[in-house]
Amino acid sequence: MEDKSVITSTTAVMLSGMIEFLSPLKWFAILGVILILADLRFGIRAARVRGEAIRLSRAWRRTINKLVDYTCWIFLAGALDKAFGVPFSIPLLPALVLLVVYGIEVNSCFHNYFESIGKKVSVDFFSIFRKKTDIIEIQENGKS
């Protein structure tokens, strides 16, 4: 009987540590899922406009692969926070790491969206941090 209580208490300690580690990152996980699902939807619509054959198994495999990748990025951001953010008082370190990763996904979502409605538009989320003011540039090539 004592073995079960030792296992239960050890598991509780490990899970509480994991929850404490992931708690500040939960909003980034939710945002990641939203971005991935939006990219899936707009990617399928853009493929239809291009006339490509849509294989749902490939779409779901790529979506699950993105979920796994983003989970790894979230854990990396949390680890960098514990290793460098807390000791050096950089509270926004996980947000900065995930801003880069999610910025790439935002670019993909916008690109697929505009392609799905038949517009040739260039989107650069990172231009916000440069001297440019617009993140969306309409490309003129006869189809606009």
Protein backbone atom coordinates (compact mmCIF):
# COMPACT_ATOMS: atom_id res chain seq x y z
CA MET A 1 0.00 0.00 0.00
CA GLU A 2 2.83 2.41 0.75
CA ASP A 3 4.24 1.91 -2.75
CA LYS A 4 1.06 3.33 -4.27
CA SER A 5 1.19 6.44 -2.11
CA VAL A 6 4.86 7.00 -2.99
CA ILE A 7 4.08 6.67 -6.70
CA THR A 8 1.06 8.94 -6.37
CA SER A 9 2.97 11.65 -4.50
CA THR A 10 5.91 11.46 -6.92
CA THR A 11 3.56 11.78 -9.87
CA ALA A 12 1.79 14.73 -8.23
CA VAL A 13 5.10 16.51 -7.64
CA MET A 14 6.21 15.94 -11.24
CA LEU A 15 2.88 17.08 -12.68
CA SER A 16 2.75 20.17 -10.48
CA GLY A 17 6.22 21.13 -11.73
CA MET A 18 5.10 20.63 -15.32
CA ILE A 19 1.96 22.69 -14.77
CA GLU A 20 4.01 25.45 -13.13
CA PHE A 21 6.41 25.40 -16.10
CA LEU A 22 3.65 25.53 -18.75
CA SER A 23 1.18 27.83 -17.01
CA PRO A 24 2.62 31.12 -18.31
CA LEU A 25 2.83 29.64 -21.82
CA LYS A 26 -0.76 28.42 -22.13
CA TRP A 27 -1.88 31.46 -24.13
CA PHE A 28 0.90 30.88 -26.63
CA ALA A 29 -0.29 27.28 -27.03
CA ILE A 30 -3.86 28.45 -27.67
CA LEU A 31 -2.64 31.05 -30.17
CA GLY A 32 -0.54 28.40 -31.90
CA VAL A 33 -3.53 26.08 -32.31
CA ILE A 34 -5.63 28.94 -33.71
CA LEU A 35 -2.92 29.91 -36.20
CA ILE A 36 -2.38 26.31 -37.30
CA LEU A 37 -6.09 25.70 -37.88
CA ALA A 38 -6.40 28.99 -39.78
CA ASP A 39 -3.44 28.04 -41.96
CA LEU A 40 -5.02 24.63 -42.60
CA ARG A 41 -8.32 26.17 -43.67
CA PHE A 42 -6.81 28.85 -45.90
CA GLY A 43 -4.24 26.40 -47.29
CA ILE A 44 -7.00 24.04 -48.41
CA ARG A 45 -8.92 26.93 -49.97
CA ALA A 46 -5.78 28.18 -51.76
CA ALA A 47 -5.06 24.67 -53.08
CA ARG A 48 -8.58 24.51 -54.50
CA VAL A 49 -8.07 27.84 -56.27
CA ARG A 50 -4.76 26.55 -57.72
CA GLY A 51 -6.58 23.43 -58.91
CA GLU A 52 -4.48 21.04 -56.84
CA ALA A 53 -5.76 17.70 -55.64
CA ILE A 54 -6.45 17.92 -51.91
CA ARG A 55 -5.45 14.90 -49.89
CA LEU A 56 -6.90 15.22 -46.41
CA SER A 57 -4.43 12.67 -45.02
CA ARG A 58 -1.54 14.89 -46.11
CA ALA A 59 -3.24 18.03 -44.78
CA TRP A 60 -3.87 16.45 -41.37
CA ARG A 61 -0.37 14.95 -41.24
CA ARG A 62 1.17 18.36 -41.91
CA THR A 63 -1.15 19.97 -39.34
CA ILE A 64 -0.24 17.43 -36.66
CA ASN A 65 3.43 17.92 -37.55
CA LYS A 66 2.99 21.67 -36.99
CA LEU A 67 1.32 21.02 -33.63
CA VAL A 68 4.28 18.89 -32.56
CA ASP A 69 6.75 21.49 -33.84
CA TYR A 70 4.96 24.31 -32.04
CA THR A 71 4.84 22.27 -28.84
CA CYS A 72 8.61 21.92 -29.10
CA TRP A 73 8.97 25.67 -29.68
CA ILE A 74 6.80 26.39 -26.64
CA PHE A 75 8.92 24.09 -24.48
CA LEU A 76 12.08 25.71 -25.85
CA ALA A 77 10.72 29.19 -25.09
CA GLY A 78 9.88 28.06 -21.53
CA ALA A 79 13.32 26.53 -21.08
CA LEU A 80 15.02 29.68 -22.36
CA ASP A 81 12.91 31.68 -19.91
CA LYS A 82 14.03 29.52 -16.99
CA ALA A 83 17.66 29.48 -18.14
CA PHE A 84 18.12 33.09 -19.20
CA GLY A 85 14.92 35.08 -18.68
CA VAL A 86 14.57 34.60 -14.93
CA PRO A 87 18.27 34.92 -13.98
CA PHE A 88 18.83 37.98 -16.18
CA SER A 89 15.40 39.54 -15.56
CA ILE A 90 14.18 39.30 -19.15
CA PRO A 91 10.48 38.58 -18.61
CA LEU A 92 9.54 38.77 -22.30
CA LEU A 93 12.06 36.23 -23.59
CA PRO A 94 9.47 33.47 -24.33
CA ALA A 95 7.26 36.02 -26.07
CA LEU A 96 10.15 37.18 -28.27
CA VAL A 97 11.07 33.62 -29.27
CA LEU A 98 7.48 32.71 -30.08
CA LEU A 99 6.89 36.03 -31.85
CA VAL A 100 9.39 34.96 -34.50
CA VAL A 101 7.84 31.50 -34.91
CA TYR A 102 4.26 32.77 -34.92
CA GLY A 103 5.20 35.63 -37.25
CA ILE A 104 6.18 33.05 -39.87
CA GLU A 105 2.82 31.33 -39.40
CA VAL A 106 0.95 34.65 -39.68
CA ASN A 107 2.73 35.29 -42.98
CA SER A 108 1.65 31.85 -44.19
CA CYS A 109 -1.96 32.40 -43.11
CA PHE A 110 -2.18 35.75 -44.90
CA HIS A 111 -0.48 34.40 -48.02
CA ASN A 112 -2.89 31.44 -48.20
CA TYR A 113 -5.90 33.67 -47.48
CA PHE A 114 -5.13 36.15 -50.23
CA GLU A 115 -4.27 33.36 -52.65
CA SER A 116 -7.60 31.70 -51.85
CA ILE A 117 -9.51 34.82 -52.86
CA GLY A 118 -7.45 35.22 -56.03
CA LYS A 119 -5.27 38.15 -55.01
CA LYS A 120 -1.52 38.34 -55.45
CA VAL A 121 -0.45 39.95 -52.18
CA SER A 122 2.87 39.90 -50.37
CA VAL A 123 2.63 39.84 -46.57
CA ASP A 124 5.59 40.43 -44.28
CA PHE A 125 4.66 40.43 -40.59
CA PHE A 126 8.22 41.37 -39.64
CA SER A 127 8.07 44.66 -41.54
CA ILE A 128 6.35 46.04 -38.44
CA PHE A 129 9.78 46.02 -36.79
CA ARG A 130 11.49 47.71 -39.72
CA LYS A 131 10.94 51.24 -40.92
CA LYS A 132 8.13 50.15 -43.25
CA THR A 133 4.64 51.03 -42.15
CA ASP A 134 2.58 48.52 -44.13
CA ILE A 135 2.83 44.78 -43.68
CA ILE A 136 0.79 44.06 -46.83
CA GLU A 137 1.92 44.98 -50.33
CA ILE A 138 -0.29 44.35 -53.34
CA GLN A 139 1.72 43.00 -56.25
CA GLU A 140 0.74 44.37 -59.65
CA ASN A 141 0.99 41.72 -62.35
CA GLY A 142 -2.19 41.87 -64.38
CA LYS A 143 -4.32 39.74 -62.02
CA SER A 144 -4.85 42.29 -59.23
